[in-house]
Amino acid sequence: MSQRPDLWQRRAALEHEWSRWVPRLGAPGTRPGGTAALRHEVTESWARSLGSVDPGRDSAPVTEGGQVHQRWTSSPLYRPVSALAGELHSIAEDAGFVTAVTDESGTILWTCGGPAMRRRAERVNFAPGGRWDEQAMGTNALSLALRTGRPSSVFSAEHLVSALHGWVCYCAPVHARDGRVLGVLDLSTTWDRSHPLAMSTVRSLVSTIEARLTTEVSRPGRLRLTCLGSEQAVHEGRPLPLRPRQLEILTLLALEPEGFSPARLRSALYGDRPVTSSTFKAEISHLRRALGGAISARHYALTAPVFCDAADVLRALEQGDTDTALRRYGGPLLPRSEAPGIEEWRTRLEVAVREAVLASTRPEHALRYGERAPYDAEVHEHALRLLGPYDTRRAIARGRLTTSLRD
């Protein structure tokens, strides 16, 4: 509660800054007579952001020391964006923009643009490795597009961080065929270069990328594994008809890319159960054939990129991105499996996600997690501590807490 006066004080200051820019520029959001009208999604984002982001910070935090090349080349967006690189360069350089592509966590993986504009963008770390999710950089077009799954623009002082008040950003999320957001495409420039056609240009480019994704999904080596709350493997655009044991093997290899010795993998699958060596090797051989040979011999490891929801959650947690972790956490890891290695990873994931929720100062994290944990009284109590006395969501948390204590 002590943070509320400070929050509204900061908001008032930002509204004042916004009102200085908008009447002069005739930007979207101006009321008749020149009075600035702040959009509801912007003020909501400010309220969420102020708990983790200082509006006075001068640049975005860095992920993995800025070394994201391998992450970029293994991204599903790499090939379709690379095919459009010439066009993206031309648009950025001709119009004085910087073009950026992020992954689903809001980390920039690739940029292009003229030298002067790129140098200016690099001052705020709008560059590969920069984190632009809401928890890292507050209100900006990339974070809004990732959160809503819709195209977004943020102009000048609508940005929470004052170092961005000289910028305008237009971006749209890129969706996979199954509806997942894979990342965003962004066009950014200084506010005086804003252009009414920028958003339609972004939408058109994203449509082209999504169309290319449809054809790229058949590329050899493309493997998508869903193992949180449900069980599905898709390879080269087609579902893989795998038995439960083979899904367990695939999940373990995806979560531990450095691989397993035969003895360790066998123990992770069967524990102390008496299983013949031929049975174990037969499961490995069947999975290797199904993946087109993408499992190394002797030391078992995947030799082709795999996109796994559980690995995505772990990566988000390592980056302190609880938003993405909760969005990707669909439930327990392979819930029907009794393999010792899977049970161990299941517990590690559940504990890590829950601890991130309890460490968060944002009530929506506890509320979202509470949907999947109706009997977790501690999580519901945490939500109630974070919610203001007049927040209508208190009724949800209170009802869940009452139910959990009753049972």
Protein backbone atom coordinates (compact mmCIF):
# COMPACT_ATOMS: atom_id res chain seq x y z
CA MET A 1 0.00 0.00 0.00
CA SER A 2 2.88 2.39 0.68
CA GLN A 3 3.75 2.30 -3.03
CA ARG A 4 0.40 3.68 -4.21
CA PRO A 5 1.07 7.42 -3.62
CA ASP A 6 4.45 7.07 -5.35
CA LEU A 7 2.84 5.23 -8.27
CA TRP A 8 0.26 7.91 -8.87
CA GLN A 9 2.88 10.64 -8.38
CA ARG A 10 4.97 9.09 -11.14
CA ARG A 11 1.90 8.70 -13.33
CA ALA A 12 1.00 12.37 -12.87
CA ALA A 13 4.50 13.38 -13.89
CA LEU A 14 4.34 11.19 -16.98
CA GLU A 15 0.91 12.54 -17.91
CA HIS A 16 2.34 16.04 -17.66
CA GLU A 17 5.24 15.07 -19.92
CA TRP A 18 2.85 13.43 -22.38
CA SER A 19 0.65 16.56 -22.49
CA ARG A 20 3.70 18.63 -23.46
CA TRP A 21 4.28 16.54 -26.60
CA VAL A 22 0.89 15.50 -27.94
CA PRO A 23 -0.88 18.85 -28.53
CA ARG A 24 2.05 20.10 -30.58
CA LEU A 25 2.40 16.96 -32.65
CA GLY A 26 -1.22 16.02 -33.30
CA ALA A 27 -0.40 12.45 -32.33
CA PRO A 28 -3.02 9.74 -31.81
CA GLY A 29 -4.77 10.19 -28.51
CA THR A 30 -5.31 13.94 -28.71
CA ARG A 31 -8.74 15.10 -27.58
CA PRO A 32 -10.55 17.96 -29.34
CA GLY A 33 -9.00 21.21 -28.24
CA GLY A 34 -5.50 19.72 -27.92
CA THR A 35 -5.82 17.98 -24.55
CA ALA A 36 -3.85 14.74 -24.24
CA ALA A 37 -5.87 11.56 -23.73
CA LEU A 38 -3.84 8.72 -22.30
CA ARG A 39 -4.91 5.31 -23.57
CA HIS A 40 -6.22 2.85 -21.00
CA GLU A 41 -3.75 0.13 -22.07
CA VAL A 42 -0.88 2.58 -21.51
CA THR A 43 -1.93 3.62 -17.99
CA GLU A 44 -2.54 -0.03 -17.06
CA SER A 45 0.93 -0.92 -18.32
CA TRP A 46 2.47 1.91 -16.28
CA ALA A 47 0.74 0.61 -13.15
CA ARG A 48 2.09 -2.90 -13.78
CA SER A 49 5.58 -1.67 -14.68
CA LEU A 50 6.41 0.69 -11.86
CA GLY A 51 7.01 -2.14 -9.43
CA SER A 52 9.96 -3.43 -11.47
CA VAL A 53 11.16 -0.58 -13.72
CA ASP A 54 12.70 2.77 -12.81
CA PRO A 55 11.44 5.40 -15.32
CA GLY A 56 14.85 7.04 -15.00
CA ARG A 57 16.85 4.09 -16.29
CA ASP A 58 18.94 4.86 -19.35
CA SER A 59 18.86 1.59 -21.32
CA ALA A 60 17.41 -1.91 -21.55
CA PRO A 61 19.01 -4.74 -19.54
CA VAL A 62 21.18 -7.21 -21.43
CA THR A 63 20.40 -10.91 -21.91
CA GLU A 64 23.26 -13.41 -22.09
CA GLY A 65 25.82 -10.62 -22.39
CA GLY A 66 24.27 -9.68 -25.73
CA GLN A 67 25.47 -12.96 -27.28
CA VAL A 68 22.24 -14.14 -28.86
CA HIS A 69 23.45 -15.25 -32.30
CA GLN A 70 22.87 -18.95 -31.63
CA ARG A 71 19.48 -18.17 -30.18
CA TRP A 72 18.63 -16.21 -33.34
CA THR A 73 19.79 -18.87 -35.79
CA SER A 74 17.73 -21.53 -33.98
CA SER A 75 14.63 -19.30 -33.84
CA PRO A 76 11.65 -20.24 -36.05
CA LEU A 77 11.75 -16.62 -37.27
CA TYR A 78 15.32 -16.81 -38.54
CA ARG A 79 14.73 -18.17 -42.04
CA PRO A 80 11.57 -16.19 -42.94
CA VAL A 81 13.09 -12.93 -41.66
CA SER A 82 16.39 -13.63 -43.42
CA ALA A 83 14.48 -14.08 -46.67
CA LEU A 84 13.07 -10.55 -46.20
CA ALA A 85 16.31 -8.99 -44.94
CA GLY A 86 16.93 -6.97 -48.11
CA GLU A 87 13.46 -5.45 -48.02
CA LEU A 88 13.69 -4.75 -44.28
CA HIS A 89 17.06 -3.02 -44.73
CA SER A 90 15.66 -0.85 -47.55
CA ILE A 91 12.59 0.21 -45.56
CA ALA A 92 14.64 1.02 -42.47
CA GLU A 93 17.36 2.98 -44.27
CA ASP A 94 15.05 4.88 -46.66
CA ALA A 95 12.61 5.95 -43.92
CA GLY A 96 15.13 6.49 -41.13
CA PHE A 97 13.90 3.62 -38.97
CA VAL A 98 15.51 0.82 -36.99
CA THR A 99 13.96 -2.59 -37.60
CA ALA A 100 14.09 -5.18 -34.81
CA VAL A 101 12.91 -8.75 -34.31
CA THR A 102 12.43 -10.25 -30.84
CA ASP A 103 11.67 -13.70 -29.51
CA GLU A 104 8.62 -14.51 -27.41
CA SER A 105 10.33 -13.22 -24.24
CA GLY A 106 10.91 -9.73 -25.67
CA THR A 107 14.66 -10.20 -26.19
CA ILE A 108 15.89 -8.55 -29.40
CA LEU A 109 17.56 -11.10 -31.66
CA TRP A 110 18.22 -9.07 -34.82
CA THR A 111 18.20 -5.44 -35.99
CA CYS A 112 18.94 -3.46 -39.12
CA GLY A 113 18.94 0.20 -40.16
CA GLY A 114 21.15 3.08 -41.18
CA PRO A 115 24.38 3.62 -39.18
CA ALA A 116 23.27 6.86 -37.50
CA MET A 117 19.89 5.51 -36.38
CA ARG A 118 21.39 2.22 -35.20
CA ARG A 119 23.98 4.07 -33.10
CA ARG A 120 21.20 6.09 -31.52
CA ALA A 121 19.19 2.94 -30.82
CA GLU A 122 22.22 1.22 -29.29
CA ARG A 123 22.45 3.97 -26.65
CA VAL A 124 19.27 2.58 -25.09
CA ASN A 125 20.29 -1.01 -25.94
CA PHE A 126 17.68 -1.35 -28.67
CA ALA A 127 20.03 -3.96 -30.07
CA PRO A 128 20.53 -7.74 -30.07
CA GLY A 129 20.49 -9.02 -26.50
CA GLY A 130 18.39 -6.13 -25.15
CA ARG A 131 15.35 -7.14 -23.09
CA TRP A 132 12.19 -5.15 -23.92
CA ASP A 133 9.47 -7.06 -22.10
CA GLU A 134 7.30 -5.07 -19.71
CA GLN A 135 9.07 -6.29 -16.58
CA ALA A 136 12.43 -5.15 -17.97
CA MET A 137 11.60 -1.88 -19.79
CA GLY A 138 8.07 -0.98 -18.80
CA THR A 139 5.56 0.39 -21.28
CA ASN A 140 6.73 0.18 -24.89
CA ALA A 141 5.27 -1.09 -28.15
CA LEU A 142 7.11 -4.42 -28.05
CA SER A 143 5.94 -5.26 -24.54
CA LEU A 144 2.33 -4.31 -25.34
CA ALA A 145 2.29 -6.41 -28.51
CA LEU A 146 3.72 -9.41 -26.63
CA ARG A 147 1.20 -9.02 -23.82
CA THR A 148 -1.91 -8.47 -25.97
CA GLY A 149 -0.99 -10.49 -29.06
CA ARG A 150 -2.05 -7.49 -31.18
CA PRO A 151 -0.25 -4.75 -33.17
CA SER A 152 0.78 -1.82 -30.99
CA SER A 153 2.32 1.63 -31.25
CA VAL A 154 3.75 3.77 -28.47
CA PHE A 155 4.54 7.43 -29.04
CA SER A 156 7.02 9.64 -27.20
CA ALA A 157 6.08 10.12 -23.52
CA GLU A 158 3.69 7.18 -23.59
CA HIS A 159 6.86 5.20 -22.88
CA LEU A 160 7.39 4.64 -19.18
CA VAL A 161 11.17 5.14 -19.41
CA SER A 162 11.97 8.79 -20.05
CA ALA A 163 15.04 7.93 -22.16
CA LEU A 164 12.55 6.69 -24.79
CA HIS A 165 10.46 9.86 -24.96
CA GLY A 166 12.20 10.89 -28.17
CA TRP A 167 11.06 7.71 -29.93
CA VAL A 168 7.98 6.31 -31.63
CA CYS A 169 7.64 2.55 -32.14
CA TYR A 170 5.31 0.46 -34.29
CA CYS A 171 5.21 -3.30 -33.99
CA ALA A 172 3.12 -6.40 -34.49
CA PRO A 173 3.41 -9.91 -33.06
CA VAL A 174 4.31 -12.83 -35.30
CA HIS A 175 2.07 -15.85 -34.71
CA ALA A 176 2.76 -19.50 -35.40
CA ARG A 177 0.10 -21.61 -37.11
CA ASP A 178 -1.13 -22.80 -33.70
CA GLY A 179 -1.62 -19.22 -32.49
CA ARG A 180 1.48 -18.95 -30.31
CA VAL A 181 3.32 -15.63 -30.35
CA LEU A 182 6.85 -16.32 -31.60
CA GLY A 183 8.09 -12.74 -31.24
CA VAL A 184 7.46 -9.28 -32.66
CA LEU A 185 8.60 -7.21 -35.62
CA ASP A 186 9.23 -3.57 -34.71
CA LEU A 187 9.88 -0.37 -36.66
CA SER A 188 11.20 2.44 -34.45
CA THR A 189 12.34 5.98 -35.13
CA THR A 190 12.47 9.43 -33.56
CA TRP A 191 9.08 11.05 -32.95
CA ASP A 192 9.66 13.72 -35.62
CA ARG A 193 9.92 10.98 -38.28
CA SER A 194 6.65 9.26 -37.33
CA HIS A 195 4.61 8.26 -40.36
CA PRO A 196 0.94 7.24 -40.70
CA LEU A 197 1.84 4.32 -42.98
CA ALA A 198 4.36 2.77 -40.58
CA MET A 199 1.84 0.55 -38.82
CA SER A 200 0.34 -0.77 -42.06
CA THR A 201 3.89 -1.50 -43.26
CA VAL A 202 4.60 -3.53 -40.12
CA ARG A 203 1.34 -5.46 -40.48
CA SER A 204 2.12 -6.27 -44.11
CA LEU A 205 5.65 -7.45 -43.30
CA VAL A 206 4.37 -9.66 -40.47
CA SER A 207 1.77 -11.20 -42.79
CA THR A 208 4.59 -12.10 -45.19
CA ILE A 209 6.68 -13.62 -42.40
CA GLU A 210 3.71 -15.66 -41.15
CA ALA A 211 3.05 -16.92 -44.69
CA ARG A 212 6.68 -18.00 -44.96
CA LEU A 213 6.42 -19.73 -41.58
CA THR A 214 3.68 -21.94 -43.01
CA THR A 215 6.06 -23.25 -45.66
CA GLU A 216 9.07 -23.33 -43.31
CA VAL A 217 7.28 -25.60 -40.84
CA SER A 218 8.13 -28.56 -43.10
CA ARG A 219 11.85 -27.87 -43.05
CA PRO A 220 13.88 -30.94 -41.95
CA GLY A 221 14.97 -30.79 -38.33
CA ARG A 222 12.08 -28.59 -37.18
CA LEU A 223 10.85 -30.16 -33.96
CA ARG A 224 8.21 -28.78 -31.57
CA LEU A 225 7.55 -30.53 -28.27
CA THR A 226 4.65 -29.75 -25.96
CA CYS A 227 5.00 -31.51 -22.62
CA LEU A 228 3.45 -29.18 -20.03
CA GLY A 229 -0.10 -30.22 -19.18
CA SER A 230 -0.40 -32.12 -22.46
CA GLU A 231 1.76 -34.34 -24.64
CA GLN A 232 2.47 -33.73 -28.31
CA ALA A 233 5.50 -33.82 -30.58
CA VAL A 234 5.43 -32.34 -34.09
CA HIS A 235 8.27 -32.95 -36.53
CA GLU A 236 8.54 -31.50 -40.02
CA GLY A 237 5.01 -30.15 -39.65
CA ARG A 238 3.42 -33.50 -38.80
CA PRO A 239 2.44 -35.06 -35.44
CA LEU A 240 4.82 -37.79 -34.35
CA PRO A 241 3.08 -41.04 -33.30
CA LEU A 242 5.31 -41.68 -30.28
CA ARG A 243 4.68 -44.06 -27.42
CA PRO A 244 4.74 -42.62 -23.86
CA ARG A 245 8.28 -43.92 -23.22
CA GLN A 246 9.60 -42.23 -26.36
CA LEU A 247 7.96 -38.95 -25.35
CA GLU A 248 9.74 -39.25 -22.02
CA ILE A 249 13.08 -39.73 -23.76
CA LEU A 250 12.45 -36.78 -26.07
CA THR A 251 11.47 -34.56 -23.14
CA LEU A 252 14.57 -35.44 -21.13
CA LEU A 253 16.82 -34.76 -24.14
CA ALA A 254 15.11 -31.42 -24.74
CA LEU A 255 15.54 -30.35 -21.11
CA GLU A 256 19.19 -31.45 -20.95
CA PRO A 257 20.70 -30.56 -24.35
CA GLU A 258 24.18 -31.63 -23.22
CA GLY A 259 22.80 -35.19 -23.34
CA PHE A 260 22.95 -38.42 -21.33
CA SER A 261 25.21 -41.38 -21.00
CA PRO A 262 23.29 -44.64 -21.73
CA ALA A 263 23.40 -45.63 -18.05
CA ARG A 264 22.11 -42.28 -16.82
CA LEU A 265 19.28 -42.10 -19.37
CA ARG A 266 18.26 -45.67 -18.58
CA SER A 267 18.13 -44.82 -14.85
CA ALA A 268 16.09 -41.65 -15.56
CA LEU A 269 13.54 -43.71 -17.47
CA TYR A 270 13.28 -46.92 -15.43
CA GLY A 271 14.89 -46.30 -12.05
CA ASP A 272 15.53 -49.64 -10.36
CA ARG A 273 13.08 -51.57 -12.53
CA PRO A 274 14.59 -54.65 -14.25
CA VAL A 275 14.49 -53.69 -17.95
CA THR A 276 16.62 -55.44 -20.57
CA SER A 277 19.21 -53.55 -22.52
CA SER A 278 17.51 -54.54 -25.79
CA THR A 279 14.19 -52.99 -24.68
CA PHE A 280 15.93 -49.72 -23.76
CA LYS A 281 17.88 -49.58 -27.03
CA ALA A 282 14.76 -50.39 -29.04
CA GLU A 283 13.00 -47.30 -27.62
CA ILE A 284 16.01 -45.13 -28.54
CA SER A 285 16.18 -46.60 -32.05
CA HIS A 286 12.47 -46.04 -32.70
CA LEU A 287 12.71 -42.40 -31.59
CA ARG A 288 15.87 -41.84 -33.66
CA ARG A 289 14.09 -43.13 -36.78
CA ALA A 290 11.04 -40.96 -36.07
CA LEU A 291 13.31 -37.88 -35.83
CA GLY A 292 15.18 -38.65 -39.02
CA GLY A 293 18.33 -39.70 -37.16
CA ALA A 294 18.49 -36.59 -34.93
CA ILE A 295 19.84 -38.43 -31.84
CA SER A 296 23.58 -38.99 -31.46
CA ALA A 297 24.93 -42.46 -30.74
CA ARG A 298 26.79 -43.60 -27.60
CA HIS A 299 26.18 -40.31 -25.74
CA TYR A 300 22.49 -39.61 -26.34
CA ALA A 301 21.70 -36.00 -27.31
CA LEU A 302 19.52 -34.24 -29.88
CA THR A 303 21.40 -33.10 -32.98
CA ALA A 304 18.59 -30.92 -34.39
CA PRO A 305 16.94 -27.81 -32.86
CA VAL A 306 13.99 -28.54 -30.59
CA PHE A 307 11.42 -26.01 -29.44
CA CYS A 308 10.05 -27.19 -26.12
CA ASP A 309 7.53 -25.41 -23.89
CA ALA A 310 9.22 -26.63 -20.70
CA ALA A 311 12.60 -25.34 -21.87
CA ASP A 312 10.93 -22.01 -22.72
CA VAL A 313 9.63 -21.76 -19.15
CA LEU A 314 13.06 -22.47 -17.69
CA ARG A 315 14.68 -19.87 -19.93
CA ALA A 316 12.11 -17.26 -18.93
CA LEU A 317 12.62 -17.98 -15.23
CA GLU A 318 16.39 -17.66 -15.63
CA GLN A 319 15.82 -14.21 -17.14
CA GLY A 320 13.45 -13.17 -14.36
CA ASP A 321 10.58 -13.04 -16.86
CA THR A 322 7.69 -14.40 -14.77
CA ASP A 323 5.14 -13.15 -17.33
CA THR A 324 6.47 -15.39 -20.10
CA ALA A 325 7.04 -18.31 -17.73
CA LEU A 326 3.41 -18.26 -16.59
CA ARG A 327 2.14 -17.82 -20.14
CA ARG A 328 4.05 -20.89 -21.31
CA TYR A 329 3.45 -23.02 -18.21
CA GLY A 330 0.51 -25.18 -19.29
CA GLY A 331 0.58 -27.55 -16.33
CA PRO A 332 2.69 -30.39 -14.86
CA LEU A 333 5.40 -31.96 -16.99
CA LEU A 334 4.08 -35.11 -18.74
CA PRO A 335 1.46 -35.54 -16.00
CA ARG A 336 0.92 -39.28 -16.65
CA SER A 337 4.60 -40.21 -16.53
CA GLU A 338 6.14 -42.11 -13.62
CA ALA A 339 9.69 -42.09 -14.97
CA PRO A 340 12.06 -40.95 -12.18
CA GLY A 341 13.80 -38.40 -14.39
CA ILE A 342 10.50 -36.86 -15.50
CA GLU A 343 9.18 -36.77 -11.93
CA GLU A 344 12.32 -34.94 -10.84
CA TRP A 345 12.02 -32.36 -13.61
CA ARG A 346 8.27 -32.02 -12.95
CA THR A 347 8.96 -31.08 -9.33
CA ARG A 348 11.78 -28.70 -10.28
CA LEU A 349 9.53 -26.85 -12.72
CA GLU A 350 6.57 -26.67 -10.35
CA VAL A 351 8.72 -25.36 -7.49
CA ALA A 352 10.54 -22.85 -9.71
CA VAL A 353 7.33 -21.39 -11.15
CA ARG A 354 5.64 -21.23 -7.74
CA GLU A 355 8.66 -19.55 -6.11
CA ALA A 356 8.78 -16.98 -8.92
CA VAL A 357 5.10 -16.20 -8.31
CA LEU A 358 5.60 -15.82 -4.55
CA ALA A 359 8.62 -13.56 -5.14
CA SER A 360 6.73 -11.35 -7.58
CA THR A 361 5.26 -8.02 -6.49
CA ARG A 362 2.61 -8.15 -9.22
CA PRO A 363 -0.77 -9.54 -8.11
CA GLU A 364 -1.69 -10.75 -11.59
CA HIS A 365 1.05 -13.37 -11.35
CA ALA A 366 -0.47 -14.88 -8.20
CA LEU A 367 -3.96 -14.63 -9.71
CA ARG A 368 -2.91 -16.38 -12.92
CA TYR A 369 -1.04 -19.13 -11.10
CA GLY A 370 -3.95 -19.49 -8.66
CA GLU A 371 -6.20 -20.60 -11.53
CA ARG A 372 -4.11 -23.79 -11.81
CA ALA A 373 -3.51 -24.15 -8.06
CA PRO A 374 -6.96 -23.78 -6.46
CA TYR A 375 -5.85 -25.40 -3.18
CA ASP A 376 -2.63 -23.42 -2.71
CA ALA A 377 -3.64 -21.15 0.17
CA GLU A 378 -0.23 -19.44 0.32
CA VAL A 379 -0.53 -18.24 -3.29
CA HIS A 380 -4.05 -16.87 -2.70
CA GLU A 381 -2.90 -15.10 0.48
CA HIS A 382 -0.01 -13.59 -1.49
CA ALA A 383 -2.45 -12.28 -4.09
CA LEU A 384 -4.57 -10.67 -1.38
CA ARG A 385 -1.52 -8.96 0.15
CA LEU A 386 -0.64 -7.42 -3.21
CA LEU A 387 -4.13 -6.33 -4.25
CA GLY A 388 -5.33 -2.90 -3.18
CA PRO A 389 -8.34 -2.63 -0.86
CA TYR A 390 -10.61 -1.47 -3.70
CA ASP A 391 -9.36 -3.86 -6.36
CA THR A 392 -12.33 -5.92 -7.59
CA ARG A 393 -10.01 -8.91 -8.12
CA ARG A 394 -9.82 -9.36 -4.36
CA ALA A 395 -13.11 -11.24 -4.55
CA ILE A 396 -11.50 -13.85 -6.82
CA ALA A 397 -8.52 -14.34 -4.52
CA ARG A 398 -10.72 -14.37 -1.42
CA GLY A 399 -13.03 -16.99 -2.90
CA ARG A 400 -10.10 -19.23 -3.85
CA LEU A 401 -8.56 -18.87 -0.41
CA THR A 402 -11.85 -19.75 1.29
CA THR A 403 -12.20 -22.85 -0.88
CA SER A 404 -8.63 -23.98 -0.24
CA LEU A 405 -9.00 -23.63 3.55
CA ARG A 406 -12.36 -25.39 3.57
CA ASP A 407 -11.00 -28.43 1.76
